[in-house]
Amino acid sequence: MLKCAFALVAALLLASSAQAQVEPFPPGFRTQEIATNGTTLHVRIGGSGPAVVLLHGYGETGDMWAPMAADLARERTVIVPDLRGMGLSAQPSGGFDKKNQAHDIAGILDKLGIARTELVTHDIGNMVGFALATQYRDRVSRFVLIDAPLPGVGPWEEILKNPLLWHFRFGGPDMERLVAGRERIYLDRFWNEFSATPARFSEAAREHYAALYARPGAMHAGFAQFAAFDQDAIDNRAFLAQQGKLAMPVLALGGEKSFGLTMAEVMRFAASDVSEGIVPDSGHWIMEENPGATVATVRAFLIGKP
C-alpha cells in the first residue's frame, strides 16, 4: 500500500511538472553537460554560423532565452548555459564570484572549439558576461547587457540604496532555511515587483522556475551569486583600473519600467563604444514581458537585418 502511495505521489508530481511548461528550444538544439573550471554546466547548443552566448539571471535559467535562441539560430551558433549552481547545472560548494564564473564560460567555448563570440546577457548574466569580456577581450566581439547594474561600476553605491534591492544582502544558512519549501513565495515577490505587468510572467513560467529553484542546492547557489557582489565590485574596479574600458561595441538595454537608460549610464563607465536602448512596455523580465521587442532590438545590433 505504501509503495502504491509513493507511486501516486510521483505520478502527480510528474503531471504537475508536465503542465508547467515554458517555450521550448527549437528541435534542432541539443543539450550537453560540459565539464569546465571544476564544475559542470548544462548547456543548450543549436544553429550555425558565428557564435553567440546567452547568459541568464536570477529567478530564471537559460530556459528564458528560447525565443531569442530560435531567432538568432538562423544566422548564429547559439550557446545557452545555466550558470554555475543554477538550473540544471551542477551544485559546486563555491566559486560564485563573477571573475571565476567567467572562466566557466570560457571553458565551454574551449570545449566547443569556439575562439570568438558575441554576448547577450541579463541580470546576473550581465556580471558574468562583463567579467568574461574584460578577461578575454579578444574573444568577445559584441556585447548586449540587459537591465541590471555591474558591481563596483558607475553609480553602484547609489543603486545599492534602492529599497527594492534588499535581496542583495539577503542570504546565509538561516535565510536558506526560511525559504526552503517556500521558493515560489520568495520568487513571486521578484517576478511581481520587478514587472511592469506581473501577469505577463505566466503561471506556467512561475511553476517551471520555482521547481528548478526548489532543487537541492539551488537556492544556496542563488544566494551565493549575491553574496559575491562585494568581491565582484573589487574585481571590476581592478579590471577597469588595470586594463581600461571595453573597446568592443556594447548595447546597454533597460526595461522601460525598470533600469531604462540607466543601463547606458552604467556602461559608459566601463566601455567606450556604448549604444543605448529601451525595451518598451516592460519591467525587468524582458523575455517574459516583451520578448518581441527584445529579440528585434538584439537582432538589429548583432546582425542588422530582420
C-alpha atoms as a PDB file:
ATOM      1  CA  MET A   1       0.000   0.000   0.000  1.00  0.00           C
ATOM      2  CA  LEU A   2       2.805   2.389   0.932  1.00  0.00           C
ATOM      3  CA  LYS A   3       4.567   1.616  -2.349  1.00  0.00           C
ATOM      4  CA  CYS A   4       1.381   2.462  -4.262  1.00  0.00           C
ATOM      5  CA  ALA A   5       1.054   5.725  -2.369  1.00  0.00           C
ATOM      6  CA  PHE A   6       4.599   6.722  -3.306  1.00  0.00           C
ATOM      7  CA  ALA A   7       3.884   5.833  -6.928  1.00  0.00           C
ATOM      8  CA  LEU A   8       0.759   8.002  -6.885  1.00  0.00           C
ATOM      9  CA  VAL A   9       2.658  10.971  -5.431  1.00  0.00           C
ATOM     10  CA  ALA A  10       5.384  10.572  -8.057  1.00  0.00           C
ATOM     11  CA  ALA A  11       2.800  10.466 -10.833  1.00  0.00           C
ATOM     12  CA  LEU A  12       1.129  13.624  -9.534  1.00  0.00           C
ATOM     13  CA  LEU A  13       4.473  15.438  -9.363  1.00  0.00           C
ATOM     14  CA  LEU A  14       5.306  14.414 -12.914  1.00  0.00           C
ATOM     15  CA  ALA A  15       1.905  15.560 -14.141  1.00  0.00           C
ATOM     16  CA  SER A  16       2.317  18.911 -12.404  1.00  0.00           C
ATOM     17  CA  SER A  17       5.779  19.333 -13.919  1.00  0.00           C
ATOM     18  CA  ALA A  18       4.473  18.486 -17.372  1.00  0.00           C
ATOM     19  CA  GLN A  19       1.845  21.217 -17.114  1.00  0.00           C
ATOM     20  CA  ALA A  20       4.396  23.844 -16.060  1.00  0.00           C
ATOM     21  CA  GLN A  21       5.892  24.345 -19.499  1.00  0.00           C
ATOM     22  CA  VAL A  22       7.817  27.317 -20.834  1.00  0.00           C
ATOM     23  CA  GLU A  23       8.528  27.882 -24.515  1.00  0.00           C
ATOM     24  CA  PRO A  24      10.855  25.073 -25.628  1.00  0.00           C
ATOM     25  CA  PHE A  25      14.045  25.497 -27.602  1.00  0.00           C
ATOM     26  CA  PRO A  26      13.757  24.599 -31.305  1.00  0.00           C
ATOM     27  CA  PRO A  27      14.048  20.877 -32.198  1.00  0.00           C
ATOM     28  CA  GLY A  28      17.492  21.406 -33.741  1.00  0.00           C
ATOM     29  CA  PHE A  29      19.004  22.355 -30.368  1.00  0.00           C
ATOM     30  CA  ARG A  30      20.842  19.760 -28.303  1.00  0.00           C
ATOM     31  CA  THR A  31      21.735  19.766 -24.617  1.00  0.00           C
ATOM     32  CA  GLN A  32      25.171  18.919 -23.332  1.00  0.00           C
ATOM     33  CA  GLU A  33      26.713  18.654 -19.868  1.00  0.00           C
ATOM     34  CA  ILE A  34      30.105  20.362 -20.196  1.00  0.00           C
ATOM     35  CA  ALA A  35      32.808  19.976 -17.545  1.00  0.00           C
ATOM     36  CA  THR A  36      34.530  23.325 -17.067  1.00  0.00           C
ATOM     37  CA  ASN A  37      36.606  25.081 -14.403  1.00  0.00           C
ATOM     38  CA  GLY A  38      35.940  22.484 -11.710  1.00  0.00           C
ATOM     39  CA  THR A  39      32.182  22.165 -12.257  1.00  0.00           C
ATOM     40  CA  THR A  40      29.711  21.017 -14.908  1.00  0.00           C
ATOM     41  CA  LEU A  41      27.282  23.294 -16.728  1.00  0.00           C
ATOM     42  CA  HIS A  42      24.082  22.336 -18.523  1.00  0.00           C
ATOM     43  CA  VAL A  43      24.309  23.875 -21.999  1.00  0.00           C
ATOM     44  CA  ARG A  44      21.890  24.183 -24.938  1.00  0.00           C
ATOM     45  CA  ILE A  45      23.506  24.454 -28.375  1.00  0.00           C
ATOM     46  CA  GLY A  46      21.940  24.999 -31.787  1.00  0.00           C
ATOM     47  CA  GLY A  47      22.046  26.885 -35.074  1.00  0.00           C
ATOM     48  CA  SER A  48      25.069  27.582 -37.248  1.00  0.00           C
ATOM     49  CA  GLY A  49      27.412  30.433 -38.068  1.00  0.00           C
ATOM     50  CA  PRO A  50      29.343  32.784 -35.759  1.00  0.00           C
ATOM     51  CA  ALA A  51      28.809  32.104 -32.069  1.00  0.00           C
ATOM     52  CA  VAL A  52      26.625  33.978 -29.606  1.00  0.00           C
ATOM     53  CA  VAL A  53      26.411  33.141 -25.895  1.00  0.00           C
ATOM     54  CA  LEU A  54      23.210  33.962 -23.956  1.00  0.00           C
ATOM     55  CA  LEU A  55      23.548  34.272 -20.158  1.00  0.00           C
ATOM     56  CA  HIS A  56      20.526  34.342 -17.839  1.00  0.00           C
ATOM     57  CA  GLY A  57      19.992  35.906 -14.433  1.00  0.00           C
ATOM     58  CA  TYR A  58      18.447  35.166 -11.055  1.00  0.00           C
ATOM     59  CA  GLY A  59      14.841  33.964 -10.918  1.00  0.00           C
ATOM     60  CA  GLU A  60      15.177  32.269 -14.290  1.00  0.00           C
ATOM     61  CA  THR A  61      17.548  29.873 -16.083  1.00  0.00           C
ATOM     62  CA  GLY A  62      18.822  29.544 -19.637  1.00  0.00           C
ATOM     63  CA  ASP A  63      15.262  28.483 -20.499  1.00  0.00           C
ATOM     64  CA  MET A  64      14.313  32.191 -20.586  1.00  0.00           C
ATOM     65  CA  TRP A  65      16.192  32.591 -23.880  1.00  0.00           C
ATOM     66  CA  ALA A  66      14.190  30.131 -26.014  1.00  0.00           C
ATOM     67  CA  PRO A  67      12.545  32.812 -28.241  1.00  0.00           C
ATOM     68  CA  MET A  68      15.860  34.651 -28.669  1.00  0.00           C
ATOM     69  CA  ALA A  69      17.685  31.412 -29.442  1.00  0.00           C
ATOM     70  CA  ALA A  70      15.109  30.409 -32.045  1.00  0.00           C
ATOM     71  CA  ASP A  71      15.522  33.732 -33.830  1.00  0.00           C
ATOM     72  CA  LEU A  72      19.306  34.041 -33.690  1.00  0.00           C
ATOM     73  CA  ALA A  73      19.915  30.404 -34.674  1.00  0.00           C
ATOM     74  CA  ARG A  74      19.084  31.351 -38.268  1.00  0.00           C
ATOM     75  CA  GLU A  75      22.490  33.063 -38.527  1.00  0.00           C
ATOM     76  CA  ARG A  76      24.325  32.138 -35.344  1.00  0.00           C
ATOM     77  CA  THR A  77      25.558  29.165 -33.371  1.00  0.00           C
ATOM     78  CA  VAL A  78      23.667  29.826 -30.147  1.00  0.00           C
ATOM     79  CA  ILE A  79      25.118  28.654 -26.815  1.00  0.00           C
ATOM     80  CA  VAL A  80      22.906  28.900 -23.726  1.00  0.00           C
ATOM     81  CA  PRO A  81      24.318  27.632 -20.402  1.00  0.00           C
ATOM     82  CA  ASP A  82      22.715  27.516 -16.995  1.00  0.00           C
ATOM     83  CA  LEU A  83      25.081  29.443 -14.732  1.00  0.00           C
ATOM     84  CA  ARG A  84      27.107  27.708 -12.020  1.00  0.00           C
ATOM     85  CA  GLY A  85      24.789  26.130  -9.431  1.00  0.00           C
ATOM     86  CA  MET A  86      21.616  27.236 -11.210  1.00  0.00           C
ATOM     87  CA  GLY A  87      19.037  25.477 -13.369  1.00  0.00           C
ATOM     88  CA  LEU A  88      20.278  22.006 -14.334  1.00  0.00           C
ATOM     89  CA  SER A  89      23.966  22.813 -13.838  1.00  0.00           C
ATOM     90  CA  ALA A  90      25.984  21.136 -11.079  1.00  0.00           C
ATOM     91  CA  GLN A  91      25.969  22.408  -7.495  1.00  0.00           C
ATOM     92  CA  PRO A  92      29.567  23.264  -6.511  1.00  0.00           C
ATOM     93  CA  SER A  93      30.272  24.476  -2.995  1.00  0.00           C
ATOM     94  CA  GLY A  94      31.758  27.793  -4.109  1.00  0.00           C
ATOM     95  CA  GLY A  95      33.270  29.805  -6.913  1.00  0.00           C
ATOM     96  CA  PHE A  96      30.328  32.188  -7.397  1.00  0.00           C
ATOM     97  CA  ASP A  97      32.382  35.349  -7.842  1.00  0.00           C
ATOM     98  CA  LYS A  98      31.831  36.518 -11.408  1.00  0.00           C
ATOM     99  CA  LYS A  99      35.544  36.587 -12.218  1.00  0.00           C
ATOM    100  CA  ASN A 100      35.590  32.831 -11.647  1.00  0.00           C
ATOM    101  CA  GLN A 101      32.291  32.187 -13.425  1.00  0.00           C
ATOM    102  CA  ALA A 102      33.710  33.905 -16.492  1.00  0.00           C
ATOM    103  CA  HIS A 103      36.240  31.068 -16.608  1.00  0.00           C
ATOM    104  CA  ASP A 104      33.289  28.634 -16.599  1.00  0.00           C
ATOM    105  CA  ILE A 105      32.025  30.212 -19.821  1.00  0.00           C
ATOM    106  CA  ALA A 106      35.475  30.422 -21.395  1.00  0.00           C
ATOM    107  CA  GLY A 107      35.854  26.718 -20.682  1.00  0.00           C
ATOM    108  CA  ILE A 108      32.616  25.981 -22.544  1.00  0.00           C
ATOM    109  CA  LEU A 109      33.897  27.916 -25.549  1.00  0.00           C
ATOM    110  CA  ASP A 110      37.163  25.964 -25.413  1.00  0.00           C
ATOM    111  CA  LYS A 111      35.339  22.622 -25.294  1.00  0.00           C
ATOM    112  CA  LEU A 112      33.208  23.653 -28.294  1.00  0.00           C
ATOM    113  CA  GLY A 113      36.224  24.910 -30.235  1.00  0.00           C
ATOM    114  CA  ILE A 114      34.935  28.495 -30.371  1.00  0.00           C
ATOM    115  CA  ALA A 115      37.586  31.212 -30.402  1.00  0.00           C
ATOM    116  CA  ARG A 116      35.335  34.285 -30.559  1.00  0.00           C
ATOM    117  CA  THR A 117      31.733  35.029 -29.628  1.00  0.00           C
ATOM    118  CA  GLU A 118      29.062  37.670 -29.199  1.00  0.00           C
ATOM    119  CA  LEU A 119      27.422  38.009 -25.775  1.00  0.00           C
ATOM    120  CA  VAL A 120      23.804  38.678 -24.796  1.00  0.00           C
ATOM    121  CA  THR A 121      23.234  38.837 -21.047  1.00  0.00           C
ATOM    122  CA  HIS A 122      20.559  39.687 -18.467  1.00  0.00           C
ATOM    123  CA  ASP A 123      20.667  40.368 -14.715  1.00  0.00           C
ATOM    124  CA  ILE A 124      23.398  38.228 -13.038  1.00  0.00           C
ATOM    125  CA  GLY A 125      24.371  37.204 -16.561  1.00  0.00           C
ATOM    126  CA  ASN A 126      25.484  40.818 -17.145  1.00  0.00           C
ATOM    127  CA  MET A 127      28.004  40.463 -14.347  1.00  0.00           C
ATOM    128  CA  VAL A 128      29.389  37.143 -15.563  1.00  0.00           C
ATOM    129  CA  GLY A 129      29.445  38.472 -19.127  1.00  0.00           C
ATOM    130  CA  PHE A 130      31.326  41.609 -18.099  1.00  0.00           C
ATOM    131  CA  ALA A 131      33.945  39.542 -16.281  1.00  0.00           C
ATOM    132  CA  LEU A 132      34.265  37.367 -19.399  1.00  0.00           C
ATOM    133  CA  ALA A 133      34.532  40.319 -21.784  1.00  0.00           C
ATOM    134  CA  THR A 134      37.104  42.008 -19.553  1.00  0.00           C
ATOM    135  CA  GLN A 135      39.335  38.988 -19.012  1.00  0.00           C
ATOM    136  CA  TYR A 136      39.001  37.613 -22.555  1.00  0.00           C
ATOM    137  CA  ARG A 137      38.781  40.801 -24.598  1.00  0.00           C
ATOM    138  CA  ASP A 138      39.959  39.204 -27.823  1.00  0.00           C
ATOM    139  CA  ARG A 139      37.216  36.566 -27.585  1.00  0.00           C
ATOM    140  CA  VAL A 140      34.142  38.856 -27.352  1.00  0.00           C
ATOM    141  CA  SER A 141      33.187  40.752 -30.499  1.00  0.00           C
ATOM    142  CA  ARG A 142      29.902  42.437 -29.456  1.00  0.00           C
ATOM    143  CA  PHE A 143      28.148  42.649 -26.099  1.00  0.00           C
ATOM    144  CA  VAL A 144      24.496  43.246 -25.163  1.00  0.00           C
ATOM    145  CA  LEU A 145      23.745  43.832 -21.456  1.00  0.00           C
ATOM    146  CA  ILE A 146      20.134  43.973 -20.286  1.00  0.00           C
ATOM    147  CA  ASP A 147      18.610  45.539 -17.173  1.00  0.00           C
ATOM    148  CA  ALA A 148      20.992  45.046 -14.270  1.00  0.00           C
ATOM    149  CA  PRO A 149      23.936  47.073 -12.940  1.00  0.00           C
ATOM    150  CA  LEU A 150      27.537  45.947 -12.547  1.00  0.00           C
ATOM    151  CA  PRO A 151      29.046  45.735  -9.049  1.00  0.00           C
ATOM    152  CA  GLY A 152      31.550  48.500  -8.477  1.00  0.00           C
ATOM    153  CA  VAL A 153      30.877  50.239 -11.799  1.00  0.00           C
ATOM    154  CA  GLY A 154      29.447  53.761 -12.142  1.00  0.00           C
ATOM    155  CA  PRO A 155      26.624  54.617  -9.687  1.00  0.00           C
ATOM    156  CA  TRP A 156      26.815  51.231  -7.954  1.00  0.00           C
ATOM    157  CA  GLU A 157      26.747  52.624  -4.412  1.00  0.00           C
ATOM    158  CA  GLU A 158      23.670  54.745  -5.184  1.00  0.00           C
ATOM    159  CA  ILE A 159      21.919  51.791  -6.814  1.00  0.00           C
ATOM    160  CA  LEU A 160      22.502  49.720  -3.669  1.00  0.00           C
ATOM    161  CA  LYS A 161      20.414  52.211  -1.664  1.00  0.00           C
ATOM    162  CA  ASN A 162      17.253  51.342  -3.602  1.00  0.00           C
ATOM    163  CA  PRO A 163      14.966  49.518  -1.132  1.00  0.00           C
ATOM    164  CA  LEU A 164      13.727  47.234  -3.913  1.00  0.00           C
ATOM    165  CA  LEU A 165      17.192  45.651  -3.923  1.00  0.00           C
ATOM    166  CA  TRP A 166      17.026  44.415  -0.318  1.00  0.00           C
ATOM    167  CA  HIS A 167      17.724  40.873  -1.557  1.00  0.00           C
ATOM    168  CA  PHE A 168      21.297  41.805  -2.487  1.00  0.00           C
ATOM    169  CA  ARG A 169      22.148  41.408   1.223  1.00  0.00           C
ATOM    170  CA  PHE A 170      19.750  38.547   1.979  1.00  0.00           C
ATOM    171  CA  GLY A 171      21.391  35.169   2.355  1.00  0.00           C
ATOM    172  CA  GLY A 172      23.131  32.699   4.592  1.00  0.00           C
ATOM    173  CA  PRO A 173      22.062  29.441   6.290  1.00  0.00           C
ATOM    174  CA  ASP A 174      19.144  30.941   8.243  1.00  0.00           C
ATOM    175  CA  MET A 175      17.702  32.572   5.132  1.00  0.00           C
ATOM    176  CA  GLU A 176      18.051  29.321   3.218  1.00  0.00           C
ATOM    177  CA  ARG A 177      16.078  27.507   5.923  1.00  0.00           C
ATOM    178  CA  LEU A 178      13.390  30.193   5.898  1.00  0.00           C
ATOM    179  CA  VAL A 179      12.940  29.889   2.138  1.00  0.00           C
ATOM    180  CA  ALA A 180      13.172  26.072   1.944  1.00  0.00           C
ATOM    181  CA  GLY A 181       9.837  24.744   0.718  1.00  0.00           C
ATOM    182  CA  ARG A 182       8.666  28.316   0.098  1.00  0.00           C
ATOM    183  CA  GLU A 183      10.697  29.029  -3.046  1.00  0.00           C
ATOM    184  CA  ARG A 184       7.608  30.052  -5.009  1.00  0.00           C
ATOM    185  CA  ILE A 185       6.600  32.603  -2.353  1.00  0.00           C
ATOM    186  CA  TYR A 186      10.081  34.115  -2.378  1.00  0.00           C
ATOM    187  CA  LEU A 187      10.410  34.241  -6.163  1.00  0.00           C
ATOM    188  CA  ASP A 188       6.899  35.589  -6.754  1.00  0.00           C
ATOM    189  CA  ARG A 189       7.942  38.739  -4.933  1.00  0.00           C
ATOM    190  CA  PHE A 190      10.614  39.465  -7.551  1.00  0.00           C
ATOM    191  CA  TRP A 191       8.517  38.399 -10.518  1.00  0.00           C
ATOM    192  CA  ASN A 192       5.751  40.722  -9.335  1.00  0.00           C
ATOM    193  CA  GLU A 193       7.698  43.722  -8.020  1.00  0.00           C
ATOM    194  CA  PHE A 194      10.137  43.899 -10.930  1.00  0.00           C
ATOM    195  CA  SER A 195       7.476  43.528 -13.627  1.00  0.00           C
ATOM    196  CA  ALA A 196       5.637  46.349 -15.368  1.00  0.00           C
ATOM    197  CA  THR A 197       2.760  43.890 -15.820  1.00  0.00           C
ATOM    198  CA  PRO A 198       3.137  40.890 -13.469  1.00  0.00           C
ATOM    199  CA  ALA A 199       0.533  38.826 -15.348  1.00  0.00           C
ATOM    200  CA  ARG A 200       2.926  38.590 -18.282  1.00  0.00           C
ATOM    201  CA  PHE A 201       5.190  36.407 -16.162  1.00  0.00           C
ATOM    202  CA  SER A 202       2.948  33.432 -16.785  1.00  0.00           C
ATOM    203  CA  GLU A 203       1.814  30.873 -14.265  1.00  0.00           C
ATOM    204  CA  ALA A 204       3.485  28.147 -16.326  1.00  0.00           C
ATOM    205  CA  ALA A 205       6.812  30.008 -16.187  1.00  0.00           C
ATOM    206  CA  ARG A 206       6.443  30.613 -12.440  1.00  0.00           C
ATOM    207  CA  GLU A 207       5.814  26.925 -11.783  1.00  0.00           C
ATOM    208  CA  HIS A 208       8.679  25.928 -14.027  1.00  0.00           C
ATOM    209  CA  TYR A 209      11.299  28.171 -12.427  1.00  0.00           C
ATOM    210  CA  ALA A 210      10.051  27.644  -8.858  1.00  0.00           C
ATOM    211  CA  ALA A 211      10.521  23.892  -9.347  1.00  0.00           C
ATOM    212  CA  LEU A 212      14.073  24.409 -10.607  1.00  0.00           C
ATOM    213  CA  TYR A 213      14.950  26.705  -7.681  1.00  0.00           C
ATOM    214  CA  ALA A 214      13.499  24.130  -5.270  1.00  0.00           C
ATOM    215  CA  ARG A 215      16.133  21.589  -6.360  1.00  0.00           C
ATOM    216  CA  PRO A 216      18.694  20.747  -3.644  1.00  0.00           C
ATOM    217  CA  GLY A 217      21.366  23.428  -3.504  1.00  0.00           C
ATOM    218  CA  ALA A 218      19.670  25.790  -5.973  1.00  0.00           C
ATOM    219  CA  MET A 219      18.656  28.483  -3.506  1.00  0.00           C
ATOM    220  CA  HIS A 220      22.081  28.279  -1.858  1.00  0.00           C
ATOM    221  CA  ALA A 221      23.650  28.950  -5.261  1.00  0.00           C
ATOM    222  CA  GLY A 222      21.250  31.822  -5.886  1.00  0.00           C
ATOM    223  CA  PHE A 223      22.088  33.488  -2.572  1.00  0.00           C
ATOM    224  CA  ALA A 224      25.792  32.893  -3.251  1.00  0.00           C
ATOM    225  CA  GLN A 225      25.522  34.878  -6.505  1.00  0.00           C
ATOM    226  CA  PHE A 226      24.528  37.939  -4.468  1.00  0.00           C
ATOM    227  CA  ALA A 227      26.906  37.265  -1.589  1.00  0.00           C
ATOM    228  CA  ALA A 228      29.791  37.565  -4.064  1.00  0.00           C
ATOM    229  CA  PHE A 229      28.883  41.140  -5.055  1.00  0.00           C
ATOM    230  CA  ASP A 230      31.428  42.771  -2.732  1.00  0.00           C
ATOM    231  CA  GLN A 231      34.229  40.734  -4.288  1.00  0.00           C
ATOM    232  CA  ASP A 232      32.777  41.354  -7.744  1.00  0.00           C
ATOM    233  CA  ALA A 233      32.943  45.109  -7.107  1.00  0.00           C
ATOM    234  CA  ILE A 234      36.616  44.836  -6.113  1.00  0.00           C
ATOM    235  CA  ASP A 235      37.376  42.762  -9.201  1.00  0.00           C
ATOM    236  CA  ASN A 236      35.500  45.053 -11.590  1.00  0.00           C
ATOM    237  CA  ARG A 237      37.259  48.162 -10.314  1.00  0.00           C
ATOM    238  CA  ALA A 238      40.589  46.366 -10.735  1.00  0.00           C
ATOM    239  CA  PHE A 239      39.704  45.260 -14.282  1.00  0.00           C
ATOM    240  CA  LEU A 240      38.959  48.838 -15.311  1.00  0.00           C
ATOM    241  CA  ALA A 241      41.931  50.360 -13.478  1.00  0.00           C
ATOM    242  CA  GLN A 242      44.401  47.891 -14.957  1.00  0.00           C
ATOM    243  CA  GLN A 243      43.006  47.341 -18.448  1.00  0.00           C
ATOM    244  CA  GLY A 244      40.756  50.310 -19.182  1.00  0.00           C
ATOM    245  CA  LYS A 245      37.303  50.295 -20.706  1.00  0.00           C
ATOM    246  CA  LEU A 246      35.964  47.634 -23.025  1.00  0.00           C
ATOM    247  CA  ALA A 247      36.540  48.500 -26.670  1.00  0.00           C
ATOM    248  CA  MET A 248      34.032  46.209 -28.430  1.00  0.00           C
ATOM    249  CA  PRO A 249      30.611  47.625 -29.403  1.00  0.00           C
ATOM    250  CA  VAL A 250      28.205  47.452 -26.453  1.00  0.00           C
ATOM    251  CA  LEU A 251      24.414  47.750 -26.410  1.00  0.00           C
ATOM    252  CA  ALA A 252      23.005  48.680 -22.984  1.00  0.00           C
ATOM    253  CA  LEU A 253      19.294  47.853 -22.807  1.00  0.00           C
ATOM    254  CA  GLY A 254      16.949  48.660 -19.949  1.00  0.00           C
ATOM    255  CA  GLY A 255      13.311  47.844 -19.407  1.00  0.00           C
ATOM    256  CA  GLU A 256      11.190  50.984 -19.800  1.00  0.00           C
ATOM    257  CA  LYS A 257       9.696  50.486 -16.315  1.00  0.00           C
ATOM    258  CA  SER A 258      12.961  49.278 -14.788  1.00  0.00           C
ATOM    259  CA  PHE A 259      16.562  50.436 -15.358  1.00  0.00           C
ATOM    260  CA  GLY A 260      15.776  52.187 -18.629  1.00  0.00           C
ATOM    261  CA  LEU A 261      18.586  54.458 -19.814  1.00  0.00           C
ATOM    262  CA  THR A 262      20.463  53.952 -16.532  1.00  0.00           C
ATOM    263  CA  MET A 263      21.910  50.869 -18.192  1.00  0.00           C
ATOM    264  CA  ALA A 264      23.751  53.042 -20.713  1.00  0.00           C
ATOM    265  CA  GLU A 265      24.821  55.440 -17.940  1.00  0.00           C
ATOM    266  CA  VAL A 266      26.412  52.500 -16.091  1.00  0.00           C
ATOM    267  CA  MET A 267      28.104  51.053 -19.150  1.00  0.00           C
ATOM    268  CA  ARG A 268      29.682  54.338 -20.235  1.00  0.00           C
ATOM    269  CA  PHE A 269      31.860  53.996 -17.130  1.00  0.00           C
ATOM    270  CA  ALA A 270      33.034  50.617 -18.404  1.00  0.00           C
ATOM    271  CA  ALA A 271      33.005  50.720 -22.218  1.00  0.00           C
ATOM    272  CA  SER A 272      33.999  53.271 -24.843  1.00  0.00           C
ATOM    273  CA  ASP A 273      31.524  52.320 -27.613  1.00  0.00           C
ATOM    274  CA  VAL A 274      28.067  52.206 -25.993  1.00  0.00           C
ATOM    275  CA  SER A 275      24.699  52.318 -27.731  1.00  0.00           C
ATOM    276  CA  GLU A 276      21.613  52.768 -25.576  1.00  0.00           C
ATOM    277  CA  GLY A 277      18.167  51.265 -25.881  1.00  0.00           C
ATOM    278  CA  ILE A 278      14.908  50.657 -24.045  1.00  0.00           C
ATOM    279  CA  VAL A 279      12.637  47.625 -24.106  1.00  0.00           C
ATOM    280  CA  PRO A 280       9.240  49.331 -24.245  1.00  0.00           C
ATOM    281  CA  ASP A 281       6.290  48.363 -22.045  1.00  0.00           C
ATOM    282  CA  SER A 282       8.488  46.140 -19.900  1.00  0.00           C
ATOM    283  CA  GLY A 283       9.925  45.916 -16.451  1.00  0.00           C
ATOM    284  CA  HIS A 284      12.933  43.783 -15.570  1.00  0.00           C
ATOM    285  CA  TRP A 285      11.697  40.488 -17.031  1.00  0.00           C
ATOM    286  CA  ILE A 286      12.194  41.454 -20.654  1.00  0.00           C
ATOM    287  CA  MET A 287      11.819  37.980 -22.194  1.00  0.00           C
ATOM    288  CA  GLU A 288       8.571  37.420 -20.336  1.00  0.00           C
ATOM    289  CA  GLU A 289       7.108  40.914 -20.716  1.00  0.00           C
ATOM    290  CA  ASN A 290       8.109  41.941 -24.228  1.00  0.00           C
ATOM    291  CA  PRO A 291      10.098  39.209 -25.968  1.00  0.00           C
ATOM    292  CA  GLY A 292       9.283  40.503 -29.455  1.00  0.00           C
ATOM    293  CA  ALA A 293      10.835  43.920 -28.900  1.00  0.00           C
ATOM    294  CA  THR A 294      13.793  42.426 -27.031  1.00  0.00           C
ATOM    295  CA  VAL A 295      14.596  39.952 -29.792  1.00  0.00           C
ATOM    296  CA  ALA A 296      14.187  42.555 -32.535  1.00  0.00           C
ATOM    297  CA  THR A 297      16.484  45.037 -30.781  1.00  0.00           C
ATOM    298  CA  VAL A 298      19.187  42.468 -30.084  1.00  0.00           C
ATOM    299  CA  ARG A 299      18.978  41.121 -33.657  1.00  0.00           C
ATOM    300  CA  ALA A 300      19.359  44.620 -35.120  1.00  0.00           C
ATOM    301  CA  PHE A 301      22.501  45.206 -33.027  1.00  0.00           C
ATOM    302  CA  LEU A 302      24.135  41.835 -33.690  1.00  0.00           C
ATOM    303  CA  ILE A 303      23.026  41.077 -37.245  1.00  0.00           C
ATOM    304  CA  GLY A 304      21.490  44.270 -38.572  1.00  0.00           C
ATOM    305  CA  LYS A 305      18.595  42.748 -40.525  1.00  0.00           C
ATOM    306  CA  PRO A 306      15.127  41.300 -39.785  1.00  0.00           C
END
